[in-house]
Amino acid sequence: MEVGLTHYLLLAAAVFLVGMVGFIVRRNTLIMLMCVELMLSAANLVFVAFSRELGDEAGHVFVLMNFAVAAAEVAIGLAILMEIFRRRRSVDADDLNTLME
């Protein structure tokens, strides 16, 4: 059995769906950030799958750019969450209705 484009796209759709459901259902902002990372990883998988299928290396460049965006998002997001936790002792999304108290 050969693994083709359809298999990669189904895997990417499943990973994206898990990330989307996790983002919608969970209220912990740290878990929400991890779910966003899952969705970005699914997008990376799609880029690589189409890059392999078409024989073009441009998809790999997009993946590297996506990695840079994901790393910046994690660094800034975790810094903000740490500051919120220091001030409020909670990172629950339902408790965060204002930026500062």
Protein backbone atom coordinates (compact mmCIF):
# COMPACT_ATOMS: atom_id res chain seq x y z
CA MET A 1 0.00 0.00 0.00
CA GLU A 2 1.40 3.34 -1.05
CA VAL A 3 0.86 6.43 1.07
CA GLY A 4 -0.47 9.15 -1.20
CA LEU A 5 -1.66 12.71 -1.02
CA THR A 6 -5.08 11.69 0.26
CA HIS A 7 -3.59 10.02 3.32
CA TYR A 8 -1.59 13.11 4.21
CA LEU A 9 -4.60 15.37 3.73
CA LEU A 10 -6.79 13.14 5.89
CA LEU A 11 -4.15 13.15 8.62
CA ALA A 12 -3.83 16.94 8.39
CA ALA A 13 -7.61 17.30 8.56
CA ALA A 14 -7.76 15.07 11.64
CA VAL A 15 -4.97 16.98 13.40
CA PHE A 16 -6.59 20.31 12.52
CA LEU A 17 -9.97 19.06 13.76
CA VAL A 18 -8.46 17.95 17.08
CA GLY A 19 -6.84 21.37 17.47
CA MET A 20 -10.03 23.21 16.56
CA VAL A 21 -12.22 21.19 18.92
CA GLY A 22 -9.66 21.56 21.69
CA PHE A 23 -9.54 25.32 21.17
CA ILE A 24 -13.32 25.63 21.27
CA VAL A 25 -13.97 23.23 24.17
CA ARG A 26 -11.13 23.93 26.60
CA ARG A 27 -11.04 27.14 28.63
CA ASN A 28 -7.43 26.96 29.85
CA THR A 29 -5.46 29.42 27.73
CA LEU A 30 -2.32 27.28 27.81
CA ILE A 31 -4.26 24.38 26.31
CA MET A 32 -5.74 26.81 23.79
CA LEU A 33 -2.23 27.84 22.71
CA MET A 34 -1.27 24.20 22.27
CA CYS A 35 -4.36 23.67 20.13
CA VAL A 36 -3.36 26.60 17.92
CA GLU A 37 0.03 24.92 17.50
CA LEU A 38 -1.74 21.72 16.43
CA MET A 39 -3.65 23.66 13.79
CA LEU A 40 -0.42 25.27 12.52
CA SER A 41 1.20 21.81 12.36
CA ALA A 42 -1.71 20.56 10.27
CA ALA A 43 -1.17 23.46 7.87
CA ASN A 44 2.53 22.56 7.70
CA LEU A 45 1.63 18.98 6.84
CA VAL A 46 -0.59 20.18 3.98
CA PHE A 47 2.18 22.42 2.63
CA VAL A 48 4.69 19.56 2.68
CA ALA A 49 2.24 17.06 1.17
CA PHE A 50 1.44 19.32 -1.78
CA SER A 51 5.09 20.24 -2.17
CA ARG A 52 5.95 16.54 -2.44
CA GLU A 53 3.06 15.84 -4.80
CA LEU A 54 3.87 18.70 -7.16
CA GLY A 55 7.66 18.30 -6.96
CA ASP A 56 8.04 21.94 -5.98
CA GLU A 57 10.16 23.13 -3.06
CA ALA A 58 8.08 26.25 -2.38
CA GLY A 59 5.97 24.37 0.19
CA HIS A 60 9.03 23.79 2.31
CA VAL A 61 9.76 27.52 2.34
CA PHE A 62 6.22 28.17 3.58
CA VAL A 63 6.74 25.58 6.31
CA LEU A 64 9.90 27.33 7.49
CA MET A 65 8.04 30.64 7.57
CA ASN A 66 5.20 28.99 9.48
CA PHE A 67 7.70 27.63 12.02
CA ALA A 68 9.03 31.15 12.56
CA VAL A 69 5.52 32.52 13.07
CA ALA A 70 4.67 29.67 15.45
CA ALA A 71 7.83 30.24 17.50
CA ALA A 72 7.10 33.95 17.82
CA GLU A 73 3.48 33.23 18.75
CA VAL A 74 4.53 30.81 21.47
CA ALA A 75 7.14 33.15 22.92
CA ILE A 76 4.81 36.14 23.07
CA GLY A 77 1.79 34.10 24.14
CA LEU A 78 3.60 32.39 27.00
CA ALA A 79 5.08 35.69 28.19
CA ILE A 80 1.61 37.23 28.29
CA LEU A 81 0.18 34.18 30.07
CA MET A 82 2.94 34.23 32.68
CA GLU A 83 2.23 37.87 33.45
CA ILE A 84 -1.51 37.22 33.68
CA PHE A 85 -0.89 34.27 36.01
CA ARG A 86 1.36 36.40 38.23
CA ARG A 87 -1.35 39.02 38.59
CA ARG A 88 -4.48 36.87 38.84
CA ARG A 89 -3.31 33.34 39.76
CA SER A 90 -5.50 31.93 36.98
CA VAL A 91 -5.22 31.49 33.23
CA ASP A 92 -8.82 30.44 32.67
CA ALA A 93 -10.20 32.13 29.55
CA ASP A 94 -13.55 32.82 31.23
CA ASP A 95 -11.80 34.88 33.94
CA LEU A 96 -9.93 37.02 31.42
CA ASN A 97 -12.50 39.59 30.40
CA THR A 98 -10.16 42.59 30.76
CA LEU A 99 -6.49 42.96 29.98
CA MET A 100 -5.51 44.69 33.21
CA GLU A 101 -7.20 45.24 36.54
